Protein backbone atom coordinates (compact mmCIF):
# COMPACT_ATOMS: atom_id res chain seq x y z
CA MET A 1 67.73 252.83 239.71
CA GLU A 2 67.41 252.89 235.98
CA GLU A 3 71.13 252.29 235.65
CA LEU A 4 70.90 249.31 237.98
CA LYS A 5 68.11 247.77 235.91
CA ASN A 6 70.11 248.37 232.76
CA SER A 7 73.24 246.87 234.32
CA LYS A 8 71.29 243.78 235.51
CA LEU A 9 69.81 243.44 232.05
CA MET A 10 73.22 243.90 230.53
CA ILE A 11 74.70 241.30 232.91
CA ALA A 12 71.92 238.88 231.98
CA ILE A 13 72.47 239.50 228.26
CA LEU A 14 76.23 239.17 228.60
CA SER A 15 75.84 236.01 230.73
CA GLY A 16 73.52 234.50 228.15
CA ALA A 17 75.90 235.45 225.34
CA ALA A 18 78.84 234.03 227.28
CA THR A 19 76.90 230.81 227.89
CA LEU A 20 76.06 230.56 224.19
CA ALA A 21 79.65 231.31 223.24
CA PHE A 22 80.88 228.71 225.73
CA GLY A 23 78.36 226.17 224.44
CA TYR A 24 79.25 226.86 220.83
CA THR A 25 83.03 226.86 221.26
CA ILE A 26 83.39 224.15 223.89
CA LEU A 27 80.33 221.90 224.06
CA CYS A 28 79.47 221.72 220.33
CA PRO A 29 82.86 220.30 219.32
CA ILE A 30 82.65 217.80 222.18
CA LEU A 31 79.16 216.72 221.11
CA LYS A 32 80.22 216.68 217.46
CA ALA A 33 83.27 214.53 218.30
CA THR A 34 81.08 212.20 220.34
CA ASN A 35 78.65 211.83 217.44
CA GLU A 36 81.51 211.21 215.01
CA GLU A 37 82.89 208.51 217.32
CA LYS A 38 79.46 206.92 217.48
CA LEU A 39 79.24 206.96 213.67
CA LYS A 40 82.72 205.44 213.37
CA HIS A 41 81.75 202.79 215.90
CA LEU A 42 78.57 202.04 213.93
CA ASP A 43 80.65 201.75 210.73
CA ARG A 44 83.01 199.28 212.47
CA LEU A 45 80.03 197.28 213.71
CA GLU A 46 78.52 197.23 210.21
CA LYS A 47 81.82 195.93 208.77
CA GLN A 48 81.93 193.23 211.45
CA VAL A 49 78.36 192.24 210.58
CA GLN A 50 79.36 191.93 206.89
CA VAL A 51 82.32 189.71 207.84
CA LEU A 52 80.07 187.55 210.01
CA LYS A 53 77.54 187.25 207.18
CA LYS A 54 80.29 186.03 204.82
CA GLU A 55 81.47 183.52 207.43
CA ASN A 56 77.88 182.34 207.88
CA VAL A 57 77.53 181.76 204.13
CA TYR A 58 80.80 179.80 204.15
CA LEU A 59 79.66 177.69 207.11
CA ALA A 60 76.30 176.99 205.50
CA LYS A 61 77.98 175.84 202.28
CA ASN A 62 80.29 173.51 204.16
CA ASN A 63 77.58 172.06 206.37
CA LYS A 64 76.61 169.43 203.79
CA PHE A 65 80.26 168.53 203.24
CA LEU A 66 80.92 168.18 206.98
CA LEU A 67 77.89 165.94 207.40
CA ALA A 68 79.22 163.68 204.65
CA LYS A 69 82.67 163.72 206.30
CA LEU A 70 81.03 162.66 209.57
CA GLN A 71 79.27 159.88 207.72
CA VAL A 72 82.62 158.73 206.33
CA CYS A 73 83.99 158.57 209.87
CA GLU A 74 80.94 156.81 211.32
CA SER A 75 80.12 154.42 208.52
CA LYS A 76 81.91 151.94 206.38
CA SER A 77 82.57 154.26 203.48
CA PRO A 78 83.77 152.48 200.37
CA PHE A 79 86.47 155.16 199.99
CA SER A 80 89.50 155.55 202.22
CA GLY A 81 93.20 156.25 202.16
CA HIS A 82 92.86 158.77 199.31
CA ASN A 83 92.40 155.83 196.91
CA PRO A 84 89.56 156.22 194.38
CA ILE A 85 89.21 152.46 193.95
CA PRO A 86 86.55 151.39 196.48
CA ASN A 87 87.46 149.21 199.44
CA GLY A 88 87.00 145.54 198.68
CA PHE A 89 88.00 146.00 195.03
CA ARG A 90 91.60 147.13 195.38
CA PHE A 91 92.84 143.74 194.24
CA VAL A 92 91.99 145.06 190.76
CA LYS A 93 95.22 146.77 189.81
CA PHE A 94 95.76 148.69 186.61
CA GLY A 95 98.48 147.14 184.49
CA ASN A 96 97.96 143.65 185.97
CA ASN A 97 96.75 140.70 183.94
CA VAL A 98 92.96 140.43 183.95
CA ASP A 99 93.24 136.75 184.91
CA THR A 100 93.84 137.90 188.50
CA ILE A 101 90.07 138.55 188.66
CA LYS A 102 89.41 134.81 188.36
CA ILE A 103 91.30 134.27 191.60
CA GLN A 104 88.94 136.56 193.53
CA PHE A 105 85.54 135.38 192.23
CA PRO A 106 84.01 132.01 191.39
CA ILE A 107 83.59 131.38 187.68
CA LYS A 108 79.78 131.45 188.03
CA HIS A 109 80.03 135.14 188.98
CA LEU A 110 82.06 136.05 185.89
CA SER A 111 80.89 136.76 182.38
CA TRP A 112 83.62 137.13 179.76
CA MET A 113 83.01 139.44 176.83
CA GLU A 114 85.30 140.91 174.26
CA LYS A 115 87.92 142.94 176.16
CA ARG A 116 85.97 142.95 179.43
CA ILE A 117 84.76 140.83 182.31
CA VAL A 118 81.48 141.45 184.11
CA VAL A 119 81.55 140.42 187.77
CA TYR A 120 78.10 139.75 189.27
CA ASP A 121 76.95 139.30 192.82
CA VAL A 122 79.74 141.30 194.43
CA HIS A 123 78.09 141.55 197.91
CA SER A 124 78.52 145.30 198.31
CA ASP A 125 76.27 147.87 199.98
CA TYR A 126 76.80 150.23 197.06
CA PHE A 127 77.61 148.22 193.96
CA GLU A 128 75.48 145.72 192.08
CA ASN A 129 78.28 144.50 189.83
CA PHE A 130 81.37 145.77 188.10
CA ILE A 131 83.14 145.48 184.78
CA VAL A 132 86.88 145.18 184.31
CA SER A 133 87.97 146.33 180.87
CA PHE A 134 91.32 145.31 179.44
CA LYS A 135 93.51 145.76 176.43
CA ILE A 136 95.83 143.28 174.79
CA LYS A 137 99.48 144.21 175.20
CA ASN A 138 102.28 141.84 174.24
CA GLY A 139 99.78 138.98 174.22
CA LYS A 140 98.60 139.74 177.77
CA LYS A 141 95.17 141.02 178.86
CA ILE A 142 96.10 144.14 180.82
CA ILE A 143 93.51 145.85 183.10
CA ASP A 144 92.63 149.25 181.63
CA SER A 145 89.54 150.49 183.53
CA ILE A 146 86.89 149.50 186.08
CA SER A 147 83.20 150.42 185.92
CA PHE A 148 80.96 149.91 188.94
CA TYR A 149 77.18 149.77 188.65
CA ILE A 150 75.76 151.59 191.67
CA TYR A 151 72.42 150.81 193.26
CA PRO A 152 70.32 153.81 192.11
CA SER A 153 69.16 154.56 195.66
CA LYS A 154 72.82 154.85 196.78
CA LEU A 155 74.17 157.13 194.02
CA ASP A 156 73.79 160.50 195.80
CA GLU A 157 75.15 159.11 199.06
CA LEU A 158 78.13 157.58 197.26
CA ILE A 159 78.96 160.87 195.52
CA GLU A 160 78.86 162.71 198.87
CA LEU A 161 81.10 160.07 200.47
CA PHE A 162 83.52 160.38 197.56
CA LYS A 163 83.58 164.18 197.89
CA ALA A 164 84.19 163.88 201.63
CA GLU A 165 87.16 161.53 201.14
CA PHE A 166 88.68 163.67 198.39
CA GLU A 167 87.82 167.05 199.86
CA GLY A 168 90.72 168.90 198.27
CA GLU A 169 90.03 167.56 194.80
CA ASN A 170 87.98 169.39 192.23
CA MET A 171 84.90 167.50 191.02
CA VAL A 172 83.34 169.03 187.94
CA LEU A 173 79.64 168.56 187.16
CA GLU A 174 78.90 168.81 183.47
CA ASN A 175 76.04 167.24 181.46
CA ASN A 176 74.87 165.22 184.52
CA LYS A 177 78.34 163.71 184.92
CA TYR A 178 80.80 164.30 187.77
CA THR A 179 84.44 164.11 186.73
CA ALA A 180 87.59 164.24 188.85
CA HIS A 181 91.30 163.73 188.25
CA ILE A 182 93.00 162.15 191.26
CA ASP A 183 96.53 160.78 191.50
CA GLY A 184 96.68 159.79 187.84
CA TYR A 185 93.13 158.38 187.76
CA LEU A 186 90.16 159.70 185.82
CA ILE A 187 86.99 159.22 187.89
CA GLU A 188 83.53 159.61 186.35
CA PHE A 189 80.14 159.35 188.06
CA GLU A 190 77.41 159.13 185.45
CA ASN A 191 73.82 157.85 185.76
CA SER A 192 74.25 154.78 187.98
CA GLY A 193 77.89 154.18 187.20
CA LEU A 194 81.34 154.94 188.56
CA THR A 195 84.16 154.48 186.08
CA ILE A 196 87.82 154.62 187.08
CA SER A 197 90.59 154.56 184.52
CA ARG A 198 94.25 155.46 184.35
CA GLU A 199 94.85 158.81 182.73
CA LYS A 200 96.64 158.54 179.44
């Protein structure tokens, strides 16, 4: 009887040891591999979250730009056709004789000064008046630059509309002045003014 008890005890011990050995050699690697897969999956998810965060930052930065672009499409923006000279003023052509300005505006709206003409009462939603500067070349008064005086309440809107029209162009802000170089023009937004001139 004693031998039977010992053999049952031995069988129980051996069964337990076999179960432990089986668990250690078979189940532990399976569980370990499962945990490693879960960790790898969590790493992939974390990387995807980082990518999504970067995309979110990009989208947030472009939100303001897209709103301005929408405004360009919905409103009568003074800028179109990738031309920095505002609509309604494109009759002012660099290199032309300044006397062409007299054709467009009644004399009472013009004030002649040395090497420039101030044009008042231009009936624009954005501009109060503008100045055409010229230089004398071969006895002719040749248009050299245009400066627009912007209604102060419209300055920020106008800059956003300009940025939306010229989205690929680099506008630099330095000392409270925006500057851009577009198709041979130098464009400067400063205080309540927009100046456009031909690059030298």
